[in-house]
């Protein structure tokens, strides 16, 4: 059912037995409709169309109950001395229609049916990679902003959810809590994963707990941070990709790493191939990881690398301007189109006429 798109007023499900009813989720409402069955199998739903093409979920109990009721009334009519031809079978049943109240995609979890809007707020799930910014430090945790909306509550990154600078696996002490600002301070951009969501409500509200213990997680330096709406980034198998490999145009031989966060945060930096090889092999040495990150932060970015990073950043901004899904494939197509149209200047990529031209390849041709 996740592939169905509905509009307001469209019937999503129908049923007439309480034990088989669907639970109403966000973006839906219930409506009770009386239905009449006669010998011509006519169906009346209060003026609403209920064709099978408009109903996404149906229950077979309704038809079975109507058939059983029809046979029982026929039997009563025959026993009372009336012929089968003269018997008029008529019954009334109460149906419940689950109707969409907004435009979006139908999502079903067991009996719970809800409609997810395409431009809804980010709803975190366990394991989601995110790119955020440290906004404050409280008792034994960092508060991380994950969206452009200032009204949303920040996520929390506890002191126990990160690797210590010395690389030792030990209990956190009060001295570690006092030196938290030496590890991460306000304004730092980090990559982390969602560990759990406590008390999630409407619009993804709730206490979000993060952790940054994997190779890909930690403080991000020497790169470019871009924030886009979260619904432009779909959940994929790999959110950390390396672009600029052989055969990919528009990178001038420079390999860059793009980190796509499910919350809409995107980080672009020079590729750390040693970290890539370590992550693929599975043999992770914490001290070596910290050394690679430190060398990356201390090494100056060349002019060619800055140009390619800026070009990738503008390619993402162009996709954002035309409301196109931001995926590695779409970024590569926009970079290739930039070379083909002869747009050599990075600043010219965000001109309205150029944006339409370089993003034309991402739109389906009819």
Foldseek 3Di string as FASTA:
>chain_A
DQVDKDAFFFFAEKDFDPVPAFDEDAQKDKDKFKWKQKPVRDTDGPPDDDDPVRYNYYDCVVVVVLVVQQVVQLVVCVVVPHDSVPRIDMDMTIMMTIGGRHIAGWDDDPRYIYGDHLQFAQADDFFFKAKWFFADDDQQWTFTDGAPDPPAGTEIEGNQQEADPVRDDDDDDVVCRVCVVVFPNGGWMWMWGFHDFAPQDPRNHGHTYTHAYDLRTGTDAAWDKDFARLSLEDDDPDQKDKDQDPPQPQLVNFIKIWGQGSNRMIIIHGDLVVSVVCVVVVPDDPVVSSVSRVVRRPDDDDPSRVQSRLLLVLQVVLCRVVSHRDDPVQSSQLSVQCVVVPPPDSVVCPDVVNSCRSNVVVDDDD
